[in-house]
Amino acid sequence: NGAGETRQTRGKLLGIDHGAKVVGIAVCDATQMLARPLQLMTRS
């Protein structure tokens, strides 16, 4: 829209905590109500 915002798309989202050595990854349910930790990714 004119404000530069986008419409929501329902479904799972991934969350990322970026780090220099390790990236934390989370996921939410398809209704986008609750997030939970998913895994750690060691940077390569």
PDB file of all heavy atoms in Angstrom:
ATOM      1  N   ASN A   1       0.832  -1.191   0.000  1.00  0.00           N
ATOM      2  CA  ASN A   1       0.000   0.000   0.000  1.00  0.00           C
ATOM      3  C   ASN A   1       0.870   1.246   0.000  1.00  0.00           C
ATOM      4  O   ASN A   1       2.079   1.175  -0.015  1.00  0.00           O
ATOM      5  CB  ASN A   1      -0.978  -0.024   1.189  1.00  0.00           C
ATOM      6  CG  ASN A   1      -0.285   0.106   2.536  1.00  0.00           C
ATOM      7  OD1 ASN A   1       0.816   0.624   2.631  1.00  0.00           O
ATOM      8  ND2 ASN A   1      -0.937  -0.357   3.579  1.00  0.00           N
ATOM      9  N   GLY A   2       0.282   2.398   0.030  1.00  0.00           N
ATOM     10  CA  GLY A   2       1.028   3.639  -0.053  1.00  0.00           C
ATOM     11  C   GLY A   2       1.972   3.865   1.108  1.00  0.00           C
ATOM     12  O   GLY A   2       2.928   4.621   0.995  1.00  0.00           O
ATOM     13  N   ALA A   3       1.742   3.233   2.253  1.00  0.00           N
ATOM     14  CA  ALA A   3       2.599   3.431   3.418  1.00  0.00           C
ATOM     15  C   ALA A   3       3.827   2.527   3.380  1.00  0.00           C
ATOM     16  O   ALA A   3       4.634   2.543   4.286  1.00  0.00           O
ATOM     17  CB  ALA A   3       1.813   3.162   4.701  1.00  0.00           C
ATOM     18  N   GLY A   4       3.967   1.719   2.317  1.00  0.00           N
ATOM     19  CA  GLY A   4       5.125   0.839   2.220  1.00  0.00           C
ATOM     20  C   GLY A   4       4.981  -0.436   3.024  1.00  0.00           C
ATOM     21  O   GLY A   4       5.940  -1.151   3.235  1.00  0.00           O
ATOM     22  N   GLU A   5       3.775  -0.728   3.462  1.00  0.00           N
ATOM     23  CA  GLU A   5       3.545  -1.939   4.244  1.00  0.00           C
ATOM     24  C   GLU A   5       3.002  -3.031   3.334  1.00  0.00           C
ATOM     25  O   GLU A   5       2.443  -2.751   2.276  1.00  0.00           O
ATOM     26  CB  GLU A   5       2.558  -1.656   5.381  1.00  0.00           C
ATOM     27  CG  GLU A   5       3.101  -0.650   6.369  1.00  0.00           C
ATOM     28  CD  GLU A   5       2.076  -0.237   7.402  1.00  0.00           C
ATOM     29  OE1 GLU A   5       0.881  -0.360   7.147  1.00  0.00           O
ATOM     30  OE2 GLU A   5       2.492   0.216   8.463  1.00  0.00           O
ATOM     31  N   THR A   6       3.177  -4.252   3.744  1.00  0.00           N
ATOM     32  CA  THR A   6       2.690  -5.370   2.953  1.00  0.00           C
ATOM     33  C   THR A   6       1.587  -6.091   3.697  1.00  0.00           C
ATOM     34  O   THR A   6       1.506  -6.031   4.915  1.00  0.00           O
ATOM     35  CB  THR A   6       3.833  -6.359   2.645  1.00  0.00           C
ATOM     36  OG1 THR A   6       4.431  -6.771   3.875  1.00  0.00           O
ATOM     37  CG2 THR A   6       4.891  -5.708   1.776  1.00  0.00           C
ATOM     38  N   ARG A   7       0.753  -6.780   2.954  1.00  0.00           N
ATOM     39  CA  ARG A   7      -0.321  -7.558   3.567  1.00  0.00           C
ATOM     40  C   ARG A   7       0.249  -8.798   4.227  1.00  0.00           C
ATOM     41  O   ARG A   7       1.226  -9.351   3.766  1.00  0.00           O
ATOM     42  CB  ARG A   7      -1.328  -7.991   2.512  1.00  0.00           C
ATOM     43  CG  ARG A   7      -2.120  -6.871   1.967  1.00  0.00           C
ATOM     44  CD  ARG A   7      -3.048  -7.426   0.893  1.00  0.00           C
ATOM     45  NE  ARG A   7      -3.912  -6.373   0.458  1.00  0.00           N
ATOM     46  CZ  ARG A   7      -5.214  -6.362   0.667  1.00  0.00           C
ATOM     47  NH1 ARG A   7      -5.795  -7.358   1.273  1.00  0.00           N
ATOM     48  NH2 ARG A   7      -5.947  -5.373   0.256  1.00  0.00           N
ATOM     49  N   GLN A   8      -0.398  -9.227   5.260  1.00  0.00           N
ATOM     50  CA  GLN A   8      -0.011 -10.456   5.940  1.00  0.00           C
ATOM     51  C   GLN A   8      -0.365 -11.658   5.095  1.00  0.00           C
ATOM     52  O   GLN A   8      -1.391 -11.673   4.436  1.00  0.00           O
ATOM     53  CB  GLN A   8      -0.758 -10.608   7.256  1.00  0.00           C
ATOM     54  CG  GLN A   8      -0.290  -9.741   8.347  1.00  0.00           C
ATOM     55  CD  GLN A   8      -1.012 -10.112   9.633  1.00  0.00           C
ATOM     56  OE1 GLN A   8      -1.558 -11.174   9.790  1.00  0.00           O
ATOM     57  NE2 GLN A   8      -0.996  -9.196  10.572  1.00  0.00           N
ATOM     58  N   THR A   9       0.467 -12.649   5.136  1.00  0.00           N
ATOM     59  CA  THR A   9       0.166 -13.955   4.574  1.00  0.00           C
ATOM     60  C   THR A   9       0.177 -14.928   5.737  1.00  0.00           C
ATOM     61  O   THR A   9       1.182 -15.045   6.439  1.00  0.00           O
ATOM     62  CB  THR A   9       1.224 -14.372   3.536  1.00  0.00           C
ATOM     63  OG1 THR A   9       1.249 -13.391   2.502  1.00  0.00           O
ATOM     64  CG2 THR A   9       0.909 -15.721   2.945  1.00  0.00           C
ATOM     65  N   ARG A  10      -0.936 -15.602   5.957  1.00  0.00           N
ATOM     66  CA  ARG A  10      -0.988 -16.568   7.048  1.00  0.00           C
ATOM     67  C   ARG A  10      -0.202 -17.806   6.678  1.00  0.00           C
ATOM     68  O   ARG A  10      -0.156 -18.209   5.522  1.00  0.00           O
ATOM     69  CB  ARG A  10      -2.431 -16.940   7.375  1.00  0.00           C
ATOM     70  CG  ARG A  10      -3.151 -15.829   8.089  1.00  0.00           C
ATOM     71  CD  ARG A  10      -2.606 -15.639   9.481  1.00  0.00           C
ATOM     72  NE  ARG A  10      -2.836 -14.269   9.905  1.00  0.00           N
ATOM     73  CZ  ARG A  10      -2.218 -13.703  10.922  1.00  0.00           C
ATOM     74  NH1 ARG A  10      -1.335 -14.351  11.630  1.00  0.00           N
ATOM     75  NH2 ARG A  10      -2.466 -12.470  11.257  1.00  0.00           N
ATOM     76  N   GLY A  11       0.430 -18.372   7.662  1.00  0.00           N
ATOM     77  CA  GLY A  11       1.254 -19.557   7.486  1.00  0.00           C
ATOM     78  C   GLY A  11       2.455 -19.436   8.412  1.00  0.00           C
ATOM     79  O   GLY A  11       2.609 -18.454   9.139  1.00  0.00           O
ATOM     80  N   LYS A  12       3.286 -20.427   8.387  1.00  0.00           N
ATOM     81  CA  LYS A  12       4.447 -20.445   9.279  1.00  0.00           C
ATOM     82  C   LYS A  12       5.475 -19.389   8.878  1.00  0.00           C
ATOM     83  O   LYS A  12       5.720 -19.164   7.704  1.00  0.00           O
ATOM     84  CB  LYS A  12       5.108 -21.814   9.253  1.00  0.00           C
ATOM     85  CG  LYS A  12       4.280 -22.907   9.876  1.00  0.00           C
ATOM     86  CD  LYS A  12       5.051 -24.213   9.847  1.00  0.00           C
ATOM     87  CE  LYS A  12       4.252 -25.330  10.472  1.00  0.00           C
ATOM     88  NZ  LYS A  12       5.021 -26.589  10.462  1.00  0.00           N
ATOM     89  N   LEU A  13       6.050 -18.777   9.892  1.00  0.00           N
ATOM     90  CA  LEU A  13       7.172 -17.860   9.706  1.00  0.00           C
ATOM     91  C   LEU A  13       8.384 -18.460  10.407  1.00  0.00           C
ATOM     92  O   LEU A  13       8.247 -19.120  11.441  1.00  0.00           O
ATOM     93  CB  LEU A  13       6.874 -16.493  10.326  1.00  0.00           C
ATOM     94  CG  LEU A  13       5.690 -15.705   9.784  1.00  0.00           C
ATOM     95  CD1 LEU A  13       5.494 -14.436  10.601  1.00  0.00           C
ATOM     96  CD2 LEU A  13       5.885 -15.370   8.320  1.00  0.00           C
ATOM     97  N   LEU A  14       9.549 -18.211   9.863  1.00  0.00           N
ATOM     98  CA  LEU A  14      10.796 -18.541  10.542  1.00  0.00           C
ATOM     99  C   LEU A  14      11.297 -17.289  11.228  1.00  0.00           C
ATOM    100  O   LEU A  14      11.174 -16.188  10.691  1.00  0.00           O
ATOM    101  CB  LEU A  14      11.851 -19.032   9.548  1.00  0.00           C
ATOM    102  CG  LEU A  14      11.572 -20.331   8.802  1.00  0.00           C
ATOM    103  CD1 LEU A  14      12.699 -20.620   7.814  1.00  0.00           C
ATOM    104  CD2 LEU A  14      11.396 -21.490   9.767  1.00  0.00           C
ATOM    105  N   GLY A  15      11.867 -17.437  12.409  1.00  0.00           N
ATOM    106  CA  GLY A  15      12.510 -16.344  13.113  1.00  0.00           C
ATOM    107  C   GLY A  15      13.996 -16.626  13.161  1.00  0.00           C
ATOM    108  O   GLY A  15      14.411 -17.776  13.343  1.00  0.00           O
ATOM    109  N   ILE A  16      14.806 -15.588  12.979  1.00  0.00           N
ATOM    110  CA  ILE A  16      16.259 -15.759  12.963  1.00  0.00           C
ATOM    111  C   ILE A  16      16.920 -14.781  13.908  1.00  0.00           C
ATOM    112  O   ILE A  16      16.666 -13.575  13.854  1.00  0.00           O
ATOM    113  CB  ILE A  16      16.818 -15.589  11.535  1.00  0.00           C
ATOM    114  CG1 ILE A  16      16.309 -16.728  10.657  1.00  0.00           C
ATOM    115  CG2 ILE A  16      18.340 -15.514  11.545  1.00  0.00           C
ATOM    116  CD1 ILE A  16      16.827 -16.731   9.246  1.00  0.00           C
ATOM    117  N   ASP A  17      17.773 -15.337  14.778  1.00  0.00           N
ATOM    118  CA  ASP A  17      18.670 -14.546  15.621  1.00  0.00           C
ATOM    119  C   ASP A  17      20.058 -14.709  15.013  1.00  0.00           C
ATOM    120  O   ASP A  17      20.702 -15.737  15.179  1.00  0.00           O
ATOM    121  CB  ASP A  17      18.628 -15.034  17.066  1.00  0.00           C
ATOM    122  CG  ASP A  17      19.535 -14.212  17.979  1.00  0.00           C
ATOM    123  OD1 ASP A  17      19.655 -12.987  17.752  1.00  0.00           O
ATOM    124  OD2 ASP A  17      20.126 -14.794  18.906  1.00  0.00           O
ATOM    125  N   HIS A  18      20.482 -13.710  14.263  1.00  0.00           N
ATOM    126  CA  HIS A  18      21.746 -13.764  13.522  1.00  0.00           C
ATOM    127  C   HIS A  18      22.935 -13.589  14.458  1.00  0.00           C
ATOM    128  O   HIS A  18      22.935 -12.694  15.295  1.00  0.00           O
ATOM    129  CB  HIS A  18      21.769 -12.656  12.464  1.00  0.00           C
ATOM    130  CG  HIS A  18      23.024 -12.581  11.685  1.00  0.00           C
ATOM    131  ND1 HIS A  18      24.127 -11.896  12.124  1.00  0.00           N
ATOM    132  CD2 HIS A  18      23.359 -13.122  10.493  1.00  0.00           C
ATOM    133  CE1 HIS A  18      25.087 -12.009  11.226  1.00  0.00           C
ATOM    134  NE2 HIS A  18      24.641 -12.750  10.230  1.00  0.00           N
ATOM    135  N   GLY A  19      23.914 -14.448  14.315  1.00  0.00           N
ATOM    136  CA  GLY A  19      25.145 -14.329  15.074  1.00  0.00           C
ATOM    137  C   GLY A  19      26.343 -14.574  14.171  1.00  0.00           C
ATOM    138  O   GLY A  19      26.203 -15.158  13.091  1.00  0.00           O
ATOM    139  N   ALA A  20      27.508 -14.150  14.618  1.00  0.00           N
ATOM    140  CA  ALA A  20      28.721 -14.313  13.819  1.00  0.00           C
ATOM    141  C   ALA A  20      29.109 -15.778  13.658  1.00  0.00           C
ATOM    142  O   ALA A  20      29.646 -16.176  12.624  1.00  0.00           O
ATOM    143  CB  ALA A  20      29.867 -13.529  14.452  1.00  0.00           C
ATOM    144  N   LYS A  21      28.809 -16.589  14.668  1.00  0.00           N
ATOM    145  CA  LYS A  21      29.185 -18.005  14.616  1.00  0.00           C
ATOM    146  C   LYS A  21      27.991 -18.947  14.597  1.00  0.00           C
ATOM    147  O   LYS A  21      28.058 -20.029  14.031  1.00  0.00           O
ATOM    148  CB  LYS A  21      30.077 -18.350  15.802  1.00  0.00           C
ATOM    149  CG  LYS A  21      31.406 -17.630  15.777  1.00  0.00           C
ATOM    150  CD  LYS A  21      32.259 -17.996  16.956  1.00  0.00           C
ATOM    151  CE  LYS A  21      33.559 -17.205  16.901  1.00  0.00           C
ATOM    152  NZ  LYS A  21      34.403 -17.442  18.037  1.00  0.00           N
ATOM    153  N   VAL A  22      26.916 -18.543  15.254  1.00  0.00           N
ATOM    154  CA  VAL A  22      25.731 -19.391  15.367  1.00  0.00           C
ATOM    155  C   VAL A  22      24.497 -18.554  15.057  1.00  0.00           C
ATOM    156  O   VAL A  22      24.388 -17.402  15.484  1.00  0.00           O
ATOM    157  CB  VAL A  22      25.616 -20.002  16.785  1.00  0.00           C
ATOM    158  CG1 VAL A  22      24.319 -20.773  16.956  1.00  0.00           C
ATOM    159  CG2 VAL A  22      26.813 -20.882  17.093  1.00  0.00           C
ATOM    160  N   VAL A  23      23.570 -19.172  14.317  1.00  0.00           N
ATOM    161  CA  VAL A  23      22.300 -18.538  14.000  1.00  0.00           C
ATOM    162  C   VAL A  23      21.212 -19.343  14.707  1.00  0.00           C
ATOM    163  O   VAL A  23      21.129 -20.561  14.539  1.00  0.00           O
ATOM    164  CB  VAL A  23      22.049 -18.521  12.476  1.00  0.00           C
ATOM    165  CG1 VAL A  23      20.649 -18.030  12.157  1.00  0.00           C
ATOM    166  CG2 VAL A  23      23.099 -17.658  11.778  1.00  0.00           C
ATOM    167  N   GLY A  24      20.413 -18.668  15.504  1.00  0.00           N
ATOM    168  CA  GLY A  24      19.270 -19.313  16.142  1.00  0.00           C
ATOM    169  C   GLY A  24      18.074 -19.225  15.223  1.00  0.00           C
ATOM    170  O   GLY A  24      17.837 -18.186  14.598  1.00  0.00           O
ATOM    171  N   ILE A  25      17.334 -20.333  15.122  1.00  0.00           N
ATOM    172  CA  ILE A  25      16.182 -20.363  14.236  1.00  0.00           C
ATOM    173  C   ILE A  25      14.965 -20.840  15.018  1.00  0.00           C
ATOM    174  O   ILE A  25      15.036 -21.796  15.788  1.00  0.00           O
ATOM    175  CB  ILE A  25      16.441 -21.273  13.023  1.00  0.00           C
ATOM    176  CG1 ILE A  25      17.692 -20.778  12.277  1.00  0.00           C
ATOM    177  CG2 ILE A  25      15.222 -21.302  12.093  1.00  0.00           C
ATOM    178  CD1 ILE A  25      18.148 -21.664  11.151  1.00  0.00           C
ATOM    179  N   ALA A  26      13.851 -20.149  14.789  1.00  0.00           N
ATOM    180  CA  ALA A  26      12.581 -20.486  15.422  1.00  0.00           C
ATOM    181  C   ALA A  26      11.522 -20.599  14.332  1.00  0.00           C
ATOM    182  O   ALA A  26      11.748 -20.193  13.190  1.00  0.00           O
ATOM    183  CB  ALA A  26      12.186 -19.407  16.431  1.00  0.00           C
ATOM    184  N   VAL A  27      10.376 -21.133  14.696  1.00  0.00           N
ATOM    185  CA  VAL A  27       9.250 -21.251  13.775  1.00  0.00           C
ATOM    186  C   VAL A  27       7.966 -21.003  14.565  1.00  0.00           C
ATOM    187  O   VAL A  27       7.923 -21.234  15.777  1.00  0.00           O
ATOM    188  CB  VAL A  27       9.232 -22.650  13.093  1.00  0.00           C
ATOM    189  CG1 VAL A  27       8.954 -23.748  14.094  1.00  0.00           C
ATOM    190  CG2 VAL A  27       8.263 -22.690  11.920  1.00  0.00           C
ATOM    191  N   CYS A  28       6.949 -20.524  13.867  1.00  0.00           N
ATOM    192  CA  CYS A  28       5.644 -20.379  14.514  1.00  0.00           C
ATOM    193  C   CYS A  28       4.658 -21.322  13.842  1.00  0.00           C
ATOM    194  O   CYS A  28       4.924 -21.874  12.776  1.00  0.00           O
ATOM    195  CB  CYS A  28       5.140 -18.935  14.458  1.00  0.00           C
ATOM    196  SG  CYS A  28       4.649 -18.362  12.820  1.00  0.00           S
ATOM    197  N   ASP A  29       3.513 -21.491  14.478  1.00  0.00           N
ATOM    198  CA  ASP A  29       2.455 -22.308  13.908  1.00  0.00           C
ATOM    199  C   ASP A  29       1.822 -21.566  12.723  1.00  0.00           C
ATOM    200  O   ASP A  29       2.050 -20.373  12.535  1.00  0.00           O
ATOM    201  CB  ASP A  29       1.411 -22.631  14.980  1.00  0.00           C
ATOM    202  CG  ASP A  29       0.733 -21.379  15.496  1.00  0.00           C
ATOM    203  OD1 ASP A  29       1.425 -20.535  16.115  1.00  0.00           O
ATOM    204  OD2 ASP A  29      -0.469 -21.220  15.259  1.00  0.00           O
ATOM    205  N   ALA A  30       1.046 -22.275  11.927  1.00  0.00           N
ATOM    206  CA  ALA A  30       0.456 -21.706  10.717  1.00  0.00           C
ATOM    207  C   ALA A  30      -0.528 -20.574  11.001  1.00  0.00           C
ATOM    208  O   ALA A  30      -0.770 -19.736  10.137  1.00  0.00           O
ATOM    209  CB  ALA A  30      -0.213 -22.797   9.893  1.00  0.00           C
ATOM    210  N   THR A  31      -1.085 -20.523  12.210  1.00  0.00           N
ATOM    211  CA  THR A  31      -1.994 -19.427  12.565  1.00  0.00           C
ATOM    212  C   THR A  31      -1.246 -18.202  13.075  1.00  0.00           C
ATOM    213  O   THR A  31      -1.861 -17.186  13.367  1.00  0.00           O
ATOM    214  CB  THR A  31      -3.015 -19.871  13.633  1.00  0.00           C
ATOM    215  OG1 THR A  31      -2.317 -20.196  14.834  1.00  0.00           O
ATOM    216  CG2 THR A  31      -3.846 -21.040  13.149  1.00  0.00           C
ATOM    217  N   GLN A  32       0.057 -18.320  13.192  1.00  0.00           N
ATOM    218  CA  GLN A  32       0.939 -17.240  13.653  1.00  0.00           C
ATOM    219  C   GLN A  32       0.574 -16.741  15.043  1.00  0.00           C
ATOM    220  O   GLN A  32       0.591 -15.550  15.331  1.00  0.00           O
ATOM    221  CB  GLN A  32       0.957 -16.091  12.638  1.00  0.00           C
ATOM    222  CG  GLN A  32       1.511 -16.510  11.299  1.00  0.00           C
ATOM    223  CD  GLN A  32       1.612 -15.384  10.300  1.00  0.00           C
ATOM    224  OE1 GLN A  32       1.254 -14.245  10.570  1.00  0.00           O
ATOM    225  NE2 GLN A  32       2.119 -15.696   9.122  1.00  0.00           N
ATOM    226  N   MET A  33       0.299 -17.716  15.918  1.00  0.00           N
ATOM    227  CA  MET A  33      -0.019 -17.378  17.303  1.00  0.00           C
ATOM    228  C   MET A  33       1.150 -17.634  18.251  1.00  0.00           C
ATOM    229  O   MET A  33       1.323 -16.894  19.207  1.00  0.00           O
ATOM    230  CB  MET A  33      -1.239 -18.178  17.778  1.00  0.00           C
ATOM    231  CG  MET A  33      -2.502 -17.897  16.994  1.00  0.00           C
ATOM    232  SD  MET A  33      -3.042 -16.194  17.089  1.00  0.00           S
ATOM    233  CE  MET A  33      -3.714 -16.151  18.716  1.00  0.00           C
ATOM    234  N   LEU A  34       1.921 -18.693  17.989  1.00  0.00           N
ATOM    235  CA  LEU A  34       2.919 -19.121  18.953  1.00  0.00           C
ATOM    236  C   LEU A  34       4.233 -19.500  18.272  1.00  0.00           C
ATOM    237  O   LEU A  34       4.243 -20.355  17.385  1.00  0.00           O
ATOM    238  CB  LEU A  34       2.389 -20.317  19.753  1.00  0.00           C
ATOM    239  CG  LEU A  34       3.251 -20.798  20.914  1.00  0.00           C
ATOM    240  CD1 LEU A  34       3.422 -19.703  21.960  1.00  0.00           C
ATOM    241  CD2 LEU A  34       2.644 -22.036  21.532  1.00  0.00           C
ATOM    242  N   ALA A  35       5.314 -18.886  18.718  1.00  0.00           N
ATOM    243  CA  ALA A  35       6.655 -19.189  18.200  1.00  0.00           C
ATOM    244  C   ALA A  35       7.345 -20.164  19.152  1.00  0.00           C
ATOM    245  O   ALA A  35       7.112 -20.145  20.358  1.00  0.00           O
ATOM    246  CB  ALA A  35       7.475 -17.910  18.096  1.00  0.00           C
ATOM    247  N   ARG A  36       8.212 -21.004  18.574  1.00  0.00           N
ATOM    248  CA  ARG A  36       8.993 -21.940  19.382  1.00  0.00           C
ATOM    249  C   ARG A  36      10.380 -22.086  18.778  1.00  0.00           C
ATOM    250  O   ARG A  36      10.558 -21.919  17.574  1.00  0.00           O
ATOM    251  CB  ARG A  36       8.297 -23.292  19.457  1.00  0.00           C
ATOM    252  CG  ARG A  36       8.230 -24.023  18.135  1.00  0.00           C
ATOM    253  CD  ARG A  36       7.679 -25.438  18.266  1.00  0.00           C
ATOM    254  NE  ARG A  36       7.482 -26.061  16.979  1.00  0.00           N
ATOM    255  CZ  ARG A  36       8.449 -26.645  16.262  1.00  0.00           C
ATOM    256  NH1 ARG A  36       9.676 -26.687  16.719  1.00  0.00           N
ATOM    257  NH2 ARG A  36       8.180 -27.199  15.082  1.00  0.00           N
ATOM    258  N   PRO A  37      11.374 -22.396  19.609  1.00  0.00           N
ATOM    259  CA  PRO A  37      12.725 -22.633  19.087  1.00  0.00           C
ATOM    260  C   PRO A  37      12.703 -23.820  18.123  1.00  0.00           C
ATOM    261  O   PRO A  37      11.966 -24.782  18.339  1.00  0.00           O
ATOM    262  CB  PRO A  37      13.545 -22.967  20.328  1.00  0.00           C
ATOM    263  CG  PRO A  37      12.749 -22.473  21.486  1.00  0.00           C
ATOM    264  CD  PRO A  37      11.306 -22.531  21.062  1.00  0.00           C
ATOM    265  N   LEU A  38      13.503 -23.748  17.066  1.00  0.00           N
ATOM    266  CA  LEU A  38      13.568 -24.836  16.095  1.00  0.00           C
ATOM    267  C   LEU A  38      14.942 -25.495  16.091  1.00  0.00           C
ATOM    268  O   LEU A  38      15.056 -26.697  16.287  1.00  0.00           O
ATOM    269  CB  LEU A  38      13.223 -24.334  14.692  1.00  0.00           C
ATOM    270  CG  LEU A  38      13.177 -25.374  13.589  1.00  0.00           C
ATOM    271  CD1 LEU A  38      12.109 -26.428  13.861  1.00  0.00           C
ATOM    272  CD2 LEU A  38      12.914 -24.694  12.238  1.00  0.00           C
ATOM    273  N   GLN A  39      15.993 -24.689  15.882  1.00  0.00           N
ATOM    274  CA  GLN A  39      17.327 -25.272  15.841  1.00  0.00           C
ATOM    275  C   GLN A  39      18.397 -24.192  15.875  1.00  0.00           C
ATOM    276  O   GLN A  39      18.123 -23.012  15.700  1.00  0.00           O
ATOM    277  CB  GLN A  39      17.516 -26.134  14.592  1.00  0.00           C
ATOM    278  CG  GLN A  39      17.657 -25.353  13.293  1.00  0.00           C
ATOM    279  CD  GLN A  39      17.886 -26.271  12.108  1.00  0.00           C
ATOM    280  OE1 GLN A  39      17.082 -27.145  11.842  1.00  0.00           O
ATOM    281  NE2 GLN A  39      18.990 -26.057  11.405  1.00  0.00           N
ATOM    282  N   LEU A  40      19.619 -24.662  16.110  1.00  0.00           N
ATOM    283  CA  LEU A  40      20.805 -23.824  16.015  1.00  0.00           C
ATOM    284  C   LEU A  40      21.516 -24.181  14.722  1.00  0.00           C
ATOM    285  O   LEU A  40      21.606 -25.354  14.366  1.00  0.00           O
ATOM    286  CB  LEU A  40      21.755 -24.072  17.190  1.00  0.00           C
ATOM    287  CG  LEU A  40      21.215 -23.720  18.567  1.00  0.00           C
ATOM    288  CD1 LEU A  40      22.154 -24.235  19.653  1.00  0.00           C
ATOM    289  CD2 LEU A  40      21.018 -22.213  18.696  1.00  0.00           C
ATOM    290  N   MET A  41      22.010 -23.180  14.019  1.00  0.00           N
ATOM    291  CA  MET A  41      22.768 -23.403  12.797  1.00  0.00           C
ATOM    292  C   MET A  41      24.154 -22.807  12.988  1.00  0.00           C
ATOM    293  O   MET A  41      24.292 -21.601  13.199  1.00  0.00           O
ATOM    294  CB  MET A  41      22.078 -22.735  11.606  1.00  0.00           C
ATOM    295  CG  MET A  41      22.846 -22.866  10.297  1.00  0.00           C
ATOM    296  SD  MET A  41      22.016 -22.037   8.907  1.00  0.00           S
ATOM    297  CE  MET A  41      22.441 -20.311   9.211  1.00  0.00           C
ATOM    298  N   THR A  42      25.169 -23.657  12.945  1.00  0.00           N
ATOM    299  CA  THR A  42      26.543 -23.165  13.015  1.00  0.00           C
ATOM    300  C   THR A  42      26.890 -22.569  11.661  1.00  0.00           C
ATOM    301  O   THR A  42      26.708 -23.214  10.626  1.00  0.00           O
ATOM    302  CB  THR A  42      27.518 -24.304  13.369  1.00  0.00           C
ATOM    303  OG1 THR A  42      27.117 -24.854  14.628  1.00  0.00           O
ATOM    304  CG2 THR A  42      28.943 -23.793  13.483  1.00  0.00           C
ATOM    305  N   ARG A  43      27.354 -21.321  11.675  1.00  0.00           N
ATOM    306  CA  ARG A  43      27.666 -20.625  10.432  1.00  0.00           C
ATOM    307  C   ARG A  43      28.771 -21.352   9.681  1.00  0.00           C
ATOM    308  O   ARG A  43      29.704 -21.880  10.258  1.00  0.00           O
ATOM    309  CB  ARG A  43      28.121 -19.190  10.722  1.00  0.00           C
ATOM    310  CG  ARG A  43      27.085 -18.302  11.393  1.00  0.00           C
ATOM    311  CD  ARG A  43      26.036 -17.734  10.465  1.00  0.00           C
ATOM    312  NE  ARG A  43      26.571 -17.058   9.321  1.00  0.00           N
ATOM    313  CZ  ARG A  43      26.880 -15.763   9.274  1.00  0.00           C
ATOM    314  NH1 ARG A  43      26.689 -14.999  10.307  1.00  0.00           N
ATOM    315  NH2 ARG A  43      27.354 -15.231   8.172  1.00  0.00           N
ATOM    316  N   SER A  44      28.658 -21.346   8.370  1.00  0.00           N
ATOM    317  CA  SER A  44      29.646 -21.959   7.490  1.00  0.00           C
ATOM    318  C   SER A  44      29.942 -20.936   6.403  1.00  0.00           C
ATOM    319  O   SER A  44      30.349 -19.832   6.709  1.00  0.00           O
ATOM    320  CB  SER A  44      29.061 -23.266   6.921  1.00  0.00           C
ATOM    321  OG  SER A  44      29.954 -23.870   6.027  1.00  0.00           O
TER     322      SER A  44
END
